């Protein structure tokens, strides 16, 4: 069997992993202990991120002609690839956070929603909250005025509508003032 025939399934596997990906991040995992590597893989899996180690030549072939082709210049030394199809910030977020406790892990570069970033460019991206966090904040801010309005209405109803006559008197006084002028 020719070497090309052996490499084709690996290139196809990488291509299928990156197909439709929101982000791809490359990292140098040299120096991680087995326990650290296991913990990193667990955290990435929980975040919905695919994490694998491939030969750089295989990744170069898989990246060719895709939006991830810009990563080929960063493929030196042992390289792990972290891919997310749903949350564009998840690979960078998990890897940057993990690198704080495991300095042996080094980010090389990444592509997030079509843009190539070096290791320094990935750090700000890692600080962006996940999509779920952003949605919950949005819903919370949308719900807050409605909740406050309902609370005020309930208080007025509990007082037997006493606040309503006082509020009605205020607009009447305002209407009287312009009539005198």
Protein backbone atom coordinates (compact mmCIF):
# COMPACT_ATOMS: atom_id res chain seq x y z
CA UNK A 1 0.00 0.00 0.00
CA UNK A 2 1.38 3.42 -0.94
CA UNK A 3 2.08 6.07 1.69
CA UNK A 4 -0.44 8.42 0.07
CA UNK A 5 -3.18 5.82 0.52
CA UNK A 6 -2.36 5.59 4.22
CA UNK A 7 -2.39 9.37 4.67
CA UNK A 8 -5.64 10.05 2.79
CA UNK A 9 -7.96 8.78 5.58
CA UNK A 10 -6.16 10.96 8.15
CA UNK A 11 -6.41 14.05 5.94
CA UNK A 12 -10.10 13.26 5.34
CA UNK A 13 -10.64 12.93 9.11
CA UNK A 14 -9.06 16.34 9.75
CA UNK A 15 -11.07 17.84 6.88
CA UNK A 16 -14.32 16.50 8.32
CA UNK A 17 -13.45 17.87 11.77
CA UNK A 18 -12.73 21.38 10.47
CA UNK A 19 -15.60 21.41 7.97
CA UNK A 20 -18.09 24.01 9.20
CA UNK A 21 -15.99 24.88 12.25
CA UNK A 22 -16.56 28.24 13.92
CA UNK A 23 -13.01 28.17 15.25
CA UNK A 24 -9.78 26.18 15.16
CA UNK A 25 -6.97 26.74 17.66
CA UNK A 26 -3.48 25.23 17.50
CA UNK A 27 -1.50 24.55 20.66
CA UNK A 28 1.86 23.10 21.63
CA UNK A 29 1.16 20.50 24.29
CA UNK A 30 4.77 19.46 24.99
CA UNK A 31 5.57 19.30 28.67
CA UNK A 32 2.06 18.54 29.90
CA UNK A 33 1.86 15.68 32.34
CA UNK A 34 -0.53 12.84 31.63
CA UNK A 35 -2.82 14.12 34.40
CA UNK A 36 -2.79 17.65 32.94
CA UNK A 37 -3.45 16.37 29.43
CA UNK A 38 -6.33 14.24 30.69
CA UNK A 39 -7.84 17.20 32.55
CA UNK A 40 -7.43 19.48 29.52
CA UNK A 41 -9.17 16.96 27.27
CA UNK A 42 -12.01 16.63 29.82
CA UNK A 43 -12.53 20.40 29.97
CA UNK A 44 -12.48 20.72 26.19
CA UNK A 45 -14.94 17.83 25.80
CA UNK A 46 -17.31 19.51 28.30
CA UNK A 47 -17.12 22.71 26.24
CA UNK A 48 -18.03 20.76 23.07
CA UNK A 49 -14.54 21.10 21.58
CA UNK A 50 -12.83 18.38 19.54
CA UNK A 51 -9.17 18.06 20.54
CA UNK A 52 -6.67 15.87 18.70
CA UNK A 53 -3.01 15.63 17.82
CA UNK A 54 -2.06 15.11 14.18
CA UNK A 55 1.13 15.34 12.15
CA UNK A 56 1.68 18.82 10.81
CA UNK A 57 1.96 17.58 7.22
CA UNK A 58 -1.51 16.05 7.50
CA UNK A 59 -2.96 19.30 8.83
CA UNK A 60 -1.28 21.28 6.04
CA UNK A 61 -2.99 19.05 3.47
CA UNK A 62 -6.36 19.31 5.22
CA UNK A 63 -6.13 23.10 5.61
CA UNK A 64 -5.20 23.67 1.95
CA UNK A 65 -7.93 25.61 0.16
CA UNK A 66 -9.93 26.33 3.34
CA UNK A 67 -10.26 29.38 5.56
CA UNK A 68 -7.80 27.64 7.92
CA UNK A 69 -4.93 27.70 5.40
CA UNK A 70 -3.46 30.71 7.24
CA UNK A 71 -2.58 28.40 10.14
CA UNK A 72 0.00 26.44 8.13
CA UNK A 73 2.79 28.88 9.01
CA UNK A 74 2.27 28.03 12.70
CA UNK A 75 2.61 24.27 12.20
CA UNK A 76 6.04 23.64 13.70
CA UNK A 77 6.82 21.11 16.38
CA UNK A 78 4.18 18.99 18.07
CA UNK A 79 0.76 20.50 17.47
CA UNK A 80 -2.65 19.77 18.92
CA UNK A 81 -5.78 21.08 17.24
CA UNK A 82 -8.90 22.23 19.11
CA UNK A 83 -12.03 22.67 17.00
CA UNK A 84 -15.48 23.99 17.85
CA UNK A 85 -18.39 24.02 15.44
CA UNK A 86 -20.83 25.83 17.75
CA UNK A 87 -19.09 28.22 20.15
CA UNK A 88 -16.40 30.22 18.35
CA UNK A 89 -14.68 31.29 21.57
CA UNK A 90 -14.71 27.93 23.39
CA UNK A 91 -11.35 26.49 22.25
CA UNK A 92 -9.47 29.72 23.00
CA UNK A 93 -11.33 30.24 26.28
CA UNK A 94 -10.59 26.75 27.62
CA UNK A 95 -6.98 26.63 26.39
CA UNK A 96 -6.05 30.11 27.70
CA UNK A 97 -7.66 29.38 31.07
CA UNK A 98 -5.90 26.00 31.29
CA UNK A 99 -2.53 27.51 30.27
CA UNK A 100 -2.68 29.71 33.38
CA UNK A 101 -2.39 26.59 35.57
CA UNK A 102 -0.19 24.61 33.14
CA UNK A 103 2.46 26.94 31.66
CA UNK A 104 3.79 24.10 29.46
CA UNK A 105 0.70 24.52 27.24
CA UNK A 106 1.37 27.18 24.62
CA UNK A 107 -1.15 28.53 22.17
CA UNK A 108 0.25 28.94 18.67
CA UNK A 109 -2.54 30.51 16.63
CA UNK A 110 -6.16 30.14 15.66
CA UNK A 111 -8.89 30.98 13.23
CA UNK A 112 -12.05 32.39 14.76
CA UNK A 113 -14.96 32.98 12.39
CA UNK A 114 -12.65 33.27 9.39
CA UNK A 115 -9.95 35.53 10.88
CA UNK A 116 -6.44 34.27 11.71
CA UNK A 117 -5.06 35.28 15.11
CA UNK A 118 -1.66 34.63 16.64
CA UNK A 119 -1.28 33.54 20.28
CA UNK A 120 -1.53 37.14 21.53
CA UNK A 121 -4.67 37.75 19.48
CA UNK A 122 -6.40 34.72 21.00
CA UNK A 123 -6.17 36.01 24.58
CA UNK A 124 -8.83 38.76 24.18
CA UNK A 125 -11.06 36.28 22.35
CA UNK A 126 -10.74 33.93 25.31
CA UNK A 127 -12.27 36.63 27.53
CA UNK A 128 -15.48 36.77 25.49
CA UNK A 129 -18.22 34.92 27.38
CA UNK A 130 -19.78 31.85 25.79
CA UNK A 131 -22.87 32.20 23.63
CA UNK A 132 -25.04 30.73 26.41
CA UNK A 133 -23.67 33.25 28.94
CA UNK A 134 -24.31 36.13 26.55
CA UNK A 135 -27.86 34.93 25.86
CA UNK A 136 -28.64 34.59 29.57
CA UNK A 137 -27.33 38.13 30.19
CA UNK A 138 -29.46 39.43 27.32
CA UNK A 139 -32.57 37.68 28.60
CA UNK A 140 -31.88 38.93 32.13
CA UNK A 141 -31.61 42.52 30.93
CA UNK A 142 -34.80 42.15 28.88
CA UNK A 143 -36.66 40.57 31.77
CA UNK A 144 -35.63 43.13 34.38
CA UNK A 145 -37.91 46.03 33.30
CA UNK A 146 -40.89 43.69 32.97
CA UNK A 147 -40.25 42.25 36.42
CA UNK A 148 -39.94 45.74 37.95
CA UNK A 149 -43.13 46.88 36.24
CA UNK A 150 -45.00 43.83 37.54
CA UNK A 151 -43.68 44.48 41.06
CA UNK A 152 -44.92 48.11 41.00
CA UNK A 153 -48.36 47.06 39.71
CA UNK A 154 -48.59 44.43 42.46
CA UNK A 155 -47.70 47.01 45.14
CA UNK A 156 -50.36 49.38 43.81
CA UNK A 157 -52.93 46.59 43.85
CA UNK A 158 -51.98 45.62 47.42
CA UNK A 159 -52.51 49.22 48.57
CA UNK A 160 -55.99 49.07 47.09
CA UNK A 161 -55.16 51.44 44.27
CA UNK A 162 -54.29 54.33 46.64
CA UNK A 163 -51.40 55.42 44.44
CA UNK A 164 -53.66 55.90 41.43
CA UNK A 165 -55.57 59.00 42.71
CA UNK A 166 -52.33 60.76 43.66
CA UNK A 167 -50.89 60.05 40.20
CA UNK A 168 -54.11 61.28 38.58
CA UNK A 169 -53.91 64.57 40.50
CA UNK A 170 -50.40 65.29 39.22
CA UNK A 171 -51.32 65.37 35.48
CA UNK A 172 -54.37 67.52 36.27
CA UNK A 173 -52.16 70.09 37.99
CA UNK A 174 -49.78 70.10 35.04
CA UNK A 175 -52.66 70.72 32.62
CA UNK A 176 -53.91 73.64 34.70
CA UNK A 177 -50.54 75.45 34.65
CA UNK A 178 -50.32 75.97 30.85
CA UNK A 179 -53.97 77.17 30.74
CA UNK A 180 -53.14 80.10 33.05
CA UNK A 181 -50.26 81.28 30.87
